[in-house]
Amino acid sequence: MDTKEKYDESSVRRQDRILEYGRAIELLRKGEYGFLALGGEEGYGVPMNFVSTDDCIYFHCAPEGDKLRKIAANGNTCFCVVGYTEPEPSKFTTIYESVMAFGRIGLVEDPAERMRALELLVGKYSPDFKESGNKYAEKSFDRTGILRLDIQRLSGKSKKANP
């Protein structure tokens, strides 16, 4: 992922909690799901499966619905992936790590890019079933929407265990 220049450590208030860039990228690569937040007059958030590559994040969705209407009205978004968490009840805190990607999101129209995104999703979530997964993606292609978040800024934060 070529996003090092987009990694914004200055946006983290607690500078002692900055998540190192490499770990932030690993969370974007390997995270199971994240939370997509959309703006507008009425905020909207939804957990989503995803795959990240280069300077963008892909999501699959239905080709119509409230999420797409919100995106059409305002394409600014934030996507958050939370990695490891561990509550520390006796210390009234939680150990955690997270990464947030900010940017613009929109529906992908190009058929080749849409199919590539579906193949990447199959590769991430069903690596042992790529052939059958790609056939499934081809069969459901016309009823599957693909969203692409173009990353403009990244930020990562963590809290490590206290000694």
N, C-alpha and C. Protein backbone atom coordinates (compact mmCIF):
# COMPACT_ATOMS: atom_id res chain seq x y z
N MET A 1 0.84 -1.17 0.00
CA MET A 1 0.00 0.00 0.00
C MET A 1 0.89 1.24 0.00
N ASP A 2 0.65 2.15 -0.90
CA ASP A 2 1.46 3.35 -1.06
C ASP A 2 0.77 4.52 -0.37
N THR A 3 0.66 4.47 0.95
CA THR A 3 -0.07 5.50 1.67
C THR A 3 0.76 6.15 2.77
N LYS A 4 2.05 5.87 2.83
CA LYS A 4 2.88 6.41 3.91
C LYS A 4 2.77 7.92 4.01
N GLU A 5 2.76 8.60 2.86
CA GLU A 5 2.67 10.06 2.88
C GLU A 5 1.29 10.54 3.34
N LYS A 6 0.30 9.65 3.37
CA LYS A 6 -1.04 10.01 3.82
C LYS A 6 -1.27 9.69 5.30
N TYR A 7 -0.26 9.08 5.93
CA TYR A 7 -0.40 8.71 7.33
C TYR A 7 -0.23 9.95 8.19
N ASP A 8 -1.28 10.32 8.90
CA ASP A 8 -1.34 11.59 9.62
C ASP A 8 -1.25 11.36 11.12
N GLU A 9 -0.03 11.41 11.64
CA GLU A 9 0.16 11.25 13.08
C GLU A 9 -0.27 12.49 13.85
N SER A 10 -0.31 13.63 13.19
CA SER A 10 -0.65 14.87 13.88
C SER A 10 -2.12 14.93 14.30
N SER A 11 -2.97 14.10 13.69
CA SER A 11 -4.39 14.14 14.04
C SER A 11 -4.70 13.34 15.32
N VAL A 12 -3.73 12.62 15.84
CA VAL A 12 -3.92 11.85 17.07
C VAL A 12 -3.59 12.77 18.25
N ARG A 13 -4.59 13.05 19.07
CA ARG A 13 -4.40 13.95 20.20
C ARG A 13 -3.34 13.43 21.17
N ARG A 14 -3.45 12.16 21.52
CA ARG A 14 -2.49 11.54 22.44
C ARG A 14 -1.33 10.97 21.63
N GLN A 15 -0.29 11.74 21.47
CA GLN A 15 0.85 11.34 20.65
C GLN A 15 1.54 10.08 21.18
N ASP A 16 1.35 9.77 22.45
CA ASP A 16 1.92 8.55 23.01
C ASP A 16 1.13 7.31 22.60
N ARG A 17 0.03 7.51 21.87
CA ARG A 17 -0.81 6.39 21.47
C ARG A 17 -0.84 6.18 19.96
N ILE A 18 0.07 6.79 19.24
CA ILE A 18 0.12 6.62 17.79
C ILE A 18 0.44 5.16 17.46
N LEU A 19 -0.34 4.58 16.58
CA LEU A 19 -0.08 3.23 16.10
C LEU A 19 0.95 3.33 14.98
N GLU A 20 1.97 2.51 15.03
CA GLU A 20 3.01 2.58 14.00
C GLU A 20 2.40 2.29 12.62
N TYR A 21 2.92 2.98 11.63
CA TYR A 21 2.39 2.90 10.27
C TYR A 21 2.27 1.46 9.77
N GLY A 22 3.30 0.64 9.95
CA GLY A 22 3.29 -0.74 9.46
C GLY A 22 2.16 -1.55 10.06
N ARG A 23 1.89 -1.36 11.34
CA ARG A 23 0.79 -2.09 11.99
C ARG A 23 -0.55 -1.58 11.49
N ALA A 24 -0.66 -0.28 11.24
CA ALA A 24 -1.90 0.28 10.70
C ALA A 24 -2.22 -0.34 9.34
N ILE A 25 -1.21 -0.46 8.49
CA ILE A 25 -1.41 -1.06 7.16
C ILE A 25 -1.76 -2.54 7.30
N GLU A 26 -1.14 -3.22 8.25
CA GLU A 26 -1.47 -4.63 8.49
C GLU A 26 -2.93 -4.79 8.90
N LEU A 27 -3.43 -3.88 9.74
CA LEU A 27 -4.85 -3.92 10.12
C LEU A 27 -5.74 -3.74 8.89
N LEU A 28 -5.36 -2.83 7.99
CA LEU A 28 -6.15 -2.64 6.78
C LEU A 28 -6.08 -3.86 5.86
N ARG A 29 -4.98 -4.54 5.86
CA ARG A 29 -4.83 -5.73 5.01
C ARG A 29 -5.55 -6.95 5.58
N LYS A 30 -5.45 -7.13 6.90
CA LYS A 30 -5.90 -8.39 7.49
C LYS A 30 -7.16 -8.28 8.34
N GLY A 31 -7.62 -7.07 8.62
CA GLY A 31 -8.81 -6.91 9.46
C GLY A 31 -10.00 -7.65 8.86
N GLU A 32 -10.80 -8.24 9.72
CA GLU A 32 -11.94 -9.04 9.27
C GLU A 32 -13.09 -8.17 8.78
N TYR A 33 -13.35 -7.10 9.50
CA TYR A 33 -14.40 -6.18 9.10
C TYR A 33 -14.08 -4.82 9.70
N GLY A 34 -14.78 -3.81 9.23
CA GLY A 34 -14.63 -2.47 9.77
C GLY A 34 -15.97 -1.79 9.80
N PHE A 35 -15.98 -0.56 10.25
CA PHE A 35 -17.20 0.21 10.39
C PHE A 35 -17.12 1.41 9.45
N LEU A 36 -18.05 1.45 8.50
CA LEU A 36 -18.11 2.52 7.52
C LEU A 36 -19.07 3.59 8.02
N ALA A 37 -18.59 4.82 8.17
CA ALA A 37 -19.40 5.92 8.65
C ALA A 37 -19.60 6.92 7.52
N LEU A 38 -20.86 7.24 7.25
CA LEU A 38 -21.21 8.18 6.20
C LEU A 38 -21.82 9.41 6.83
N GLY A 39 -21.56 10.57 6.24
CA GLY A 39 -22.04 11.82 6.80
C GLY A 39 -23.40 12.22 6.25
N GLY A 40 -23.62 13.49 6.23
CA GLY A 40 -24.90 14.03 5.79
C GLY A 40 -25.70 14.50 6.98
N GLU A 41 -26.93 14.92 6.71
CA GLU A 41 -27.79 15.42 7.78
C GLU A 41 -28.07 14.35 8.82
N GLU A 42 -28.31 13.14 8.36
CA GLU A 42 -28.51 12.01 9.26
C GLU A 42 -27.34 11.07 9.08
N GLY A 43 -26.49 10.97 10.07
CA GLY A 43 -25.35 10.08 9.99
C GLY A 43 -25.80 8.64 9.77
N TYR A 44 -24.90 7.86 9.25
CA TYR A 44 -25.21 6.47 8.93
C TYR A 44 -23.94 5.67 9.09
N GLY A 45 -24.01 4.56 9.77
CA GLY A 45 -22.84 3.71 9.95
C GLY A 45 -23.22 2.26 9.81
N VAL A 46 -22.28 1.49 9.27
CA VAL A 46 -22.58 0.08 9.04
C VAL A 46 -21.28 -0.73 9.06
N PRO A 47 -21.30 -1.91 9.72
CA PRO A 47 -20.12 -2.78 9.66
C PRO A 47 -20.04 -3.40 8.26
N MET A 48 -18.82 -3.50 7.74
CA MET A 48 -18.64 -3.99 6.36
C MET A 48 -17.41 -4.88 6.26
N ASN A 49 -17.52 -5.93 5.42
CA ASN A 49 -16.34 -6.66 4.97
C ASN A 49 -15.65 -5.77 3.95
N PHE A 50 -14.35 -5.95 3.77
CA PHE A 50 -13.60 -5.06 2.89
C PHE A 50 -12.30 -5.71 2.44
N VAL A 51 -11.69 -5.10 1.47
CA VAL A 51 -10.34 -5.47 1.07
C VAL A 51 -9.62 -4.19 0.69
N SER A 52 -8.37 -4.06 1.14
CA SER A 52 -7.62 -2.85 0.81
C SER A 52 -6.50 -3.19 -0.16
N THR A 53 -6.23 -2.24 -1.03
CA THR A 53 -5.16 -2.39 -2.01
C THR A 53 -4.74 -1.00 -2.46
N ASP A 54 -3.47 -0.82 -2.69
CA ASP A 54 -2.94 0.47 -3.15
C ASP A 54 -3.44 1.59 -2.25
N ASP A 55 -4.13 2.56 -2.81
CA ASP A 55 -4.62 3.70 -2.05
C ASP A 55 -6.13 3.68 -1.87
N CYS A 56 -6.72 2.49 -1.92
CA CYS A 56 -8.18 2.43 -1.80
C CYS A 56 -8.63 1.20 -1.03
N ILE A 57 -9.90 1.23 -0.65
CA ILE A 57 -10.53 0.12 0.03
C ILE A 57 -11.80 -0.21 -0.75
N TYR A 58 -12.01 -1.50 -1.02
CA TYR A 58 -13.21 -1.94 -1.74
C TYR A 58 -14.18 -2.62 -0.78
N PHE A 59 -15.47 -2.43 -1.08
CA PHE A 59 -16.56 -3.06 -0.34
C PHE A 59 -17.55 -3.60 -1.36
N HIS A 60 -18.27 -4.66 -1.00
CA HIS A 60 -19.36 -5.11 -1.87
C HIS A 60 -20.67 -4.80 -1.16
N CYS A 61 -21.71 -4.59 -1.95
CA CYS A 61 -23.01 -4.24 -1.38
C CYS A 61 -24.10 -4.54 -2.40
N ALA A 62 -25.32 -4.35 -1.98
CA ALA A 62 -26.45 -4.45 -2.91
C ALA A 62 -26.35 -3.27 -3.89
N PRO A 63 -26.89 -3.43 -5.08
CA PRO A 63 -26.78 -2.36 -6.07
C PRO A 63 -27.74 -1.18 -5.84
N GLU A 64 -28.50 -1.23 -4.75
CA GLU A 64 -29.40 -0.12 -4.41
C GLU A 64 -29.63 -0.15 -2.91
N GLY A 65 -30.16 0.94 -2.38
CA GLY A 65 -30.48 0.98 -0.96
C GLY A 65 -30.05 2.28 -0.30
N ASP A 66 -30.32 2.35 1.00
CA ASP A 66 -30.08 3.55 1.77
C ASP A 66 -28.61 3.96 1.76
N LYS A 67 -27.72 3.00 1.90
CA LYS A 67 -26.28 3.30 1.92
C LYS A 67 -25.87 4.03 0.64
N LEU A 68 -26.35 3.55 -0.51
CA LEU A 68 -25.99 4.18 -1.79
C LEU A 68 -26.62 5.56 -1.93
N ARG A 69 -27.81 5.74 -1.39
CA ARG A 69 -28.43 7.07 -1.42
C ARG A 69 -27.63 8.06 -0.57
N LYS A 70 -27.17 7.61 0.58
CA LYS A 70 -26.35 8.46 1.45
C LYS A 70 -25.05 8.83 0.76
N ILE A 71 -24.42 7.86 0.11
CA ILE A 71 -23.16 8.11 -0.59
C ILE A 71 -23.36 9.08 -1.74
N ALA A 72 -24.46 8.93 -2.47
CA ALA A 72 -24.73 9.84 -3.59
C ALA A 72 -24.92 11.28 -3.10
N ALA A 73 -25.48 11.44 -1.92
CA ALA A 73 -25.71 12.77 -1.36
C ALA A 73 -24.45 13.38 -0.78
N ASN A 74 -23.56 12.54 -0.25
CA ASN A 74 -22.33 13.03 0.38
C ASN A 74 -21.32 11.89 0.41
N GLY A 75 -20.30 11.97 -0.45
CA GLY A 75 -19.32 10.90 -0.56
C GLY A 75 -18.18 10.95 0.42
N ASN A 76 -18.20 11.90 1.36
CA ASN A 76 -17.15 11.93 2.38
C ASN A 76 -17.39 10.80 3.36
N THR A 77 -16.33 10.12 3.76
CA THR A 77 -16.51 8.97 4.64
C THR A 77 -15.30 8.75 5.53
N CYS A 78 -15.52 7.93 6.53
CA CYS A 78 -14.47 7.44 7.41
C CYS A 78 -14.72 5.95 7.60
N PHE A 79 -13.66 5.17 7.54
CA PHE A 79 -13.76 3.73 7.74
C PHE A 79 -12.79 3.35 8.84
N CYS A 80 -13.27 2.64 9.85
CA CYS A 80 -12.47 2.28 11.01
C CYS A 80 -12.36 0.77 11.14
N VAL A 81 -11.15 0.29 11.34
CA VAL A 81 -10.89 -1.12 11.61
C VAL A 81 -10.26 -1.21 12.99
N VAL A 82 -10.82 -2.05 13.83
CA VAL A 82 -10.29 -2.28 15.18
C VAL A 82 -9.61 -3.63 15.18
N GLY A 83 -8.40 -3.65 15.66
CA GLY A 83 -7.65 -4.90 15.75
C GLY A 83 -7.80 -5.50 17.14
N TYR A 84 -6.69 -5.78 17.75
CA TYR A 84 -6.66 -6.40 19.07
C TYR A 84 -7.29 -5.49 20.12
N THR A 85 -8.11 -6.07 20.97
CA THR A 85 -8.64 -5.37 22.14
C THR A 85 -8.58 -6.30 23.35
N GLU A 86 -8.35 -5.72 24.50
CA GLU A 86 -8.35 -6.48 25.75
C GLU A 86 -8.72 -5.55 26.90
N PRO A 87 -9.92 -5.71 27.44
CA PRO A 87 -10.28 -4.89 28.60
C PRO A 87 -9.37 -5.20 29.78
N GLU A 88 -9.04 -4.17 30.53
CA GLU A 88 -8.29 -4.32 31.78
C GLU A 88 -9.18 -3.78 32.90
N PRO A 89 -10.12 -4.60 33.37
CA PRO A 89 -11.12 -4.12 34.33
C PRO A 89 -10.54 -3.49 35.59
N SER A 90 -9.49 -4.07 36.12
CA SER A 90 -8.94 -3.54 37.38
C SER A 90 -8.25 -2.19 37.18
N LYS A 91 -7.92 -1.86 35.93
CA LYS A 91 -7.26 -0.58 35.64
C LYS A 91 -8.22 0.41 34.96
N PHE A 92 -9.48 -0.03 34.76
CA PHE A 92 -10.52 0.83 34.18
C PHE A 92 -10.11 1.37 32.80
N THR A 93 -9.56 0.47 32.00
CA THR A 93 -9.12 0.86 30.66
C THR A 93 -9.18 -0.35 29.73
N THR A 94 -8.84 -0.14 28.51
CA THR A 94 -8.80 -1.20 27.50
C THR A 94 -7.56 -1.04 26.65
N ILE A 95 -6.87 -2.13 26.42
CA ILE A 95 -5.78 -2.17 25.46
C ILE A 95 -6.44 -2.31 24.09
N TYR A 96 -5.98 -1.55 23.12
CA TYR A 96 -6.62 -1.61 21.80
C TYR A 96 -5.66 -1.12 20.71
N GLU A 97 -6.08 -1.34 19.46
CA GLU A 97 -5.41 -0.77 18.30
C GLU A 97 -6.47 -0.57 17.23
N SER A 98 -6.36 0.54 16.51
CA SER A 98 -7.33 0.83 15.45
C SER A 98 -6.68 1.70 14.38
N VAL A 99 -7.27 1.65 13.22
CA VAL A 99 -6.84 2.51 12.11
C VAL A 99 -8.09 3.10 11.48
N MET A 100 -7.98 4.36 11.08
CA MET A 100 -9.09 5.04 10.44
C MET A 100 -8.62 5.57 9.09
N ALA A 101 -9.43 5.32 8.07
CA ALA A 101 -9.15 5.82 6.72
C ALA A 101 -10.22 6.84 6.38
N PHE A 102 -9.80 8.01 5.96
CA PHE A 102 -10.71 9.08 5.58
C PHE A 102 -10.59 9.31 4.08
N GLY A 103 -11.70 9.63 3.43
CA GLY A 103 -11.63 9.92 2.02
C GLY A 103 -13.00 10.03 1.39
N ARG A 104 -13.01 9.80 0.08
CA ARG A 104 -14.24 9.86 -0.71
C ARG A 104 -14.61 8.44 -1.13
N ILE A 105 -15.90 8.17 -1.10
CA ILE A 105 -16.38 6.84 -1.48
C ILE A 105 -17.41 6.99 -2.59
N GLY A 106 -17.41 6.01 -3.49
CA GLY A 106 -18.37 6.04 -4.57
C GLY A 106 -18.54 4.66 -5.18
N LEU A 107 -19.57 4.53 -5.96
CA LEU A 107 -19.88 3.28 -6.66
C LEU A 107 -18.93 3.12 -7.84
N VAL A 108 -18.35 1.94 -7.99
CA VAL A 108 -17.46 1.65 -9.11
C VAL A 108 -18.31 1.24 -10.30
N GLU A 109 -18.11 1.88 -11.42
CA GLU A 109 -18.87 1.59 -12.64
C GLU A 109 -18.13 0.65 -13.59
N ASP A 110 -16.81 0.76 -13.64
CA ASP A 110 -16.01 -0.02 -14.59
C ASP A 110 -16.13 -1.52 -14.30
N PRO A 111 -16.63 -2.33 -15.25
CA PRO A 111 -16.82 -3.77 -15.01
C PRO A 111 -15.52 -4.51 -14.65
N ALA A 112 -14.42 -4.14 -15.28
CA ALA A 112 -13.15 -4.83 -14.98
C ALA A 112 -12.70 -4.54 -13.54
N GLU A 113 -12.84 -3.30 -13.10
CA GLU A 113 -12.46 -2.96 -11.73
C GLU A 113 -13.40 -3.62 -10.73
N ARG A 114 -14.69 -3.67 -11.07
CA ARG A 114 -15.65 -4.33 -10.18
C ARG A 114 -15.29 -5.80 -10.00
N MET A 115 -14.97 -6.49 -11.11
CA MET A 115 -14.64 -7.91 -11.03
C MET A 115 -13.32 -8.12 -10.28
N ARG A 116 -12.36 -7.22 -10.50
CA ARG A 116 -11.10 -7.32 -9.76
C ARG A 116 -11.35 -7.19 -8.25
N ALA A 117 -12.21 -6.26 -7.86
CA ALA A 117 -12.52 -6.08 -6.45
C ALA A 117 -13.18 -7.33 -5.87
N LEU A 118 -14.10 -7.94 -6.62
CA LEU A 118 -14.73 -9.17 -6.16
C LEU A 118 -13.71 -10.30 -6.02
N GLU A 119 -12.79 -10.40 -6.96
CA GLU A 119 -11.74 -11.43 -6.88
C GLU A 119 -10.85 -11.19 -5.67
N LEU A 120 -10.54 -9.93 -5.38
CA LEU A 120 -9.74 -9.62 -4.19
C LEU A 120 -10.49 -9.98 -2.90
N LEU A 121 -11.79 -9.72 -2.88
CA LEU A 121 -12.61 -10.08 -1.71
C LEU A 121 -12.65 -11.60 -1.52
N VAL A 122 -12.83 -12.33 -2.62
CA VAL A 122 -12.82 -13.79 -2.55
C VAL A 122 -11.46 -14.27 -2.04
N GLY A 123 -10.39 -13.68 -2.56
CA GLY A 123 -9.04 -14.06 -2.14
C GLY A 123 -8.79 -13.81 -0.66
N LYS A 124 -9.37 -12.76 -0.13
CA LYS A 124 -9.19 -12.44 1.28
C LYS A 124 -10.03 -13.33 2.19
N TYR A 125 -11.31 -13.48 1.86
CA TYR A 125 -12.23 -14.17 2.77
C TYR A 125 -12.42 -15.65 2.48
N SER A 126 -12.09 -16.09 1.28
CA SER A 126 -12.24 -17.51 0.92
C SER A 126 -11.04 -17.99 0.12
N PRO A 127 -9.83 -17.86 0.66
CA PRO A 127 -8.63 -18.18 -0.12
C PRO A 127 -8.56 -19.63 -0.59
N ASP A 128 -9.19 -20.54 0.11
CA ASP A 128 -9.17 -21.95 -0.30
C ASP A 128 -10.25 -22.28 -1.33
N PHE A 129 -11.05 -21.30 -1.70
CA PHE A 129 -12.16 -21.53 -2.62
C PHE A 129 -12.17 -20.48 -3.74
N LYS A 130 -10.99 -20.07 -4.19
CA LYS A 130 -10.91 -19.00 -5.19
C LYS A 130 -11.66 -19.32 -6.47
N GLU A 131 -11.46 -20.52 -6.98
CA GLU A 131 -12.09 -20.87 -8.26
C GLU A 131 -13.62 -20.83 -8.15
N SER A 132 -14.17 -21.52 -7.17
CA SER A 132 -15.63 -21.52 -7.03
C SER A 132 -16.13 -20.14 -6.59
N GLY A 133 -15.35 -19.43 -5.79
CA GLY A 133 -15.74 -18.09 -5.36
C GLY A 133 -15.79 -17.11 -6.53
N ASN A 134 -14.82 -17.20 -7.43
CA ASN A 134 -14.82 -16.31 -8.59
C ASN A 134 -15.97 -16.64 -9.54
N LYS A 135 -16.31 -17.93 -9.64
CA LYS A 135 -17.48 -18.31 -10.45
C LYS A 135 -18.75 -17.75 -9.82
N TYR A 136 -18.84 -17.83 -8.50
CA TYR A 136 -19.99 -17.26 -7.79
C TYR A 136 -20.08 -15.75 -8.03
N ALA A 137 -18.93 -15.08 -7.97
CA ALA A 137 -18.89 -13.63 -8.20
C ALA A 137 -19.36 -13.29 -9.62
N GLU A 138 -18.98 -14.10 -10.58
CA GLU A 138 -19.42 -13.87 -11.97
C GLU A 138 -20.93 -14.03 -12.09
N LYS A 139 -21.49 -15.05 -11.42
CA LYS A 139 -22.93 -15.29 -11.50
C LYS A 139 -23.73 -14.19 -10.80
N SER A 140 -23.20 -13.63 -9.72
CA SER A 140 -23.92 -12.60 -8.98
C SER A 140 -23.49 -11.18 -9.36
N PHE A 141 -22.67 -11.07 -10.38
CA PHE A 141 -22.07 -9.79 -10.77
C PHE A 141 -23.10 -8.69 -11.00
N ASP A 142 -24.18 -8.99 -11.69
CA ASP A 142 -25.18 -7.97 -12.04
C ASP A 142 -26.00 -7.51 -10.84
N ARG A 143 -26.00 -8.26 -9.78
CA ARG A 143 -26.76 -7.84 -8.60
C ARG A 143 -25.85 -7.49 -7.41
N THR A 144 -24.59 -7.17 -7.74
CA THR A 144 -23.62 -6.80 -6.71
C THR A 144 -23.03 -5.43 -7.03
N GLY A 145 -23.09 -4.53 -6.06
CA GLY A 145 -22.45 -3.24 -6.20
C GLY A 145 -21.07 -3.28 -5.57
N ILE A 146 -20.17 -2.48 -6.09
CA ILE A 146 -18.83 -2.35 -5.53
C ILE A 146 -18.59 -0.89 -5.20
N LEU A 147 -18.17 -0.64 -3.98
CA LEU A 147 -17.82 0.69 -3.53
C LEU A 147 -16.30 0.79 -3.42
N ARG A 148 -15.77 1.96 -3.74
CA ARG A 148 -14.33 2.19 -3.58
C ARG A 148 -14.14 3.46 -2.75
N LEU A 149 -13.42 3.31 -1.65
CA LEU A 149 -13.03 4.45 -0.83
C LEU A 149 -11.62 4.84 -1.25
N ASP A 150 -11.46 6.03 -1.80
CA ASP A 150 -10.14 6.54 -2.15
C ASP A 150 -9.57 7.21 -0.91
N ILE A 151 -8.51 6.62 -0.37
CA ILE A 151 -7.93 7.10 0.90
C ILE A 151 -7.22 8.43 0.69
N GLN A 152 -7.65 9.42 1.45
CA GLN A 152 -6.99 10.72 1.44
C GLN A 152 -6.11 10.91 2.67
N ARG A 153 -6.49 10.24 3.77
CA ARG A 153 -5.74 10.37 5.02
C ARG A 153 -5.95 9.13 5.87
N LEU A 154 -4.90 8.68 6.53
CA LEU A 154 -4.94 7.55 7.47
C LEU A 154 -4.49 8.02 8.84
N SER A 155 -5.04 7.38 9.86
CA SER A 155 -4.65 7.67 11.23
C SER A 155 -4.78 6.38 12.04
N GLY A 156 -3.79 6.09 12.88
CA GLY A 156 -3.85 4.90 13.70
C GLY A 156 -3.57 5.23 15.16
N LYS A 157 -4.23 4.48 16.03
CA LYS A 157 -4.09 4.74 17.46
C LYS A 157 -4.07 3.42 18.21
N SER A 158 -3.34 3.38 19.32
CA SER A 158 -3.31 2.17 20.15
C SER A 158 -3.05 2.55 21.60
N LYS A 159 -3.44 1.65 22.46
CA LYS A 159 -3.08 1.75 23.87
C LYS A 159 -2.46 0.43 24.26
N LYS A 160 -1.24 0.50 24.70
CA LYS A 160 -0.54 -0.71 25.10
C LYS A 160 -0.73 -0.95 26.59
N ALA A 161 -0.40 -2.16 27.03
CA ALA A 161 -0.54 -2.50 28.44
C ALA A 161 0.40 -1.68 29.28
N ASN A 162 -0.08 -1.25 30.43
CA ASN A 162 0.78 -0.55 31.38
C ASN A 162 1.59 -1.58 32.16
N PRO A 163 2.86 -1.26 32.41
CA PRO A 163 3.70 -2.23 33.17
C PRO A 163 3.22 -2.39 34.60
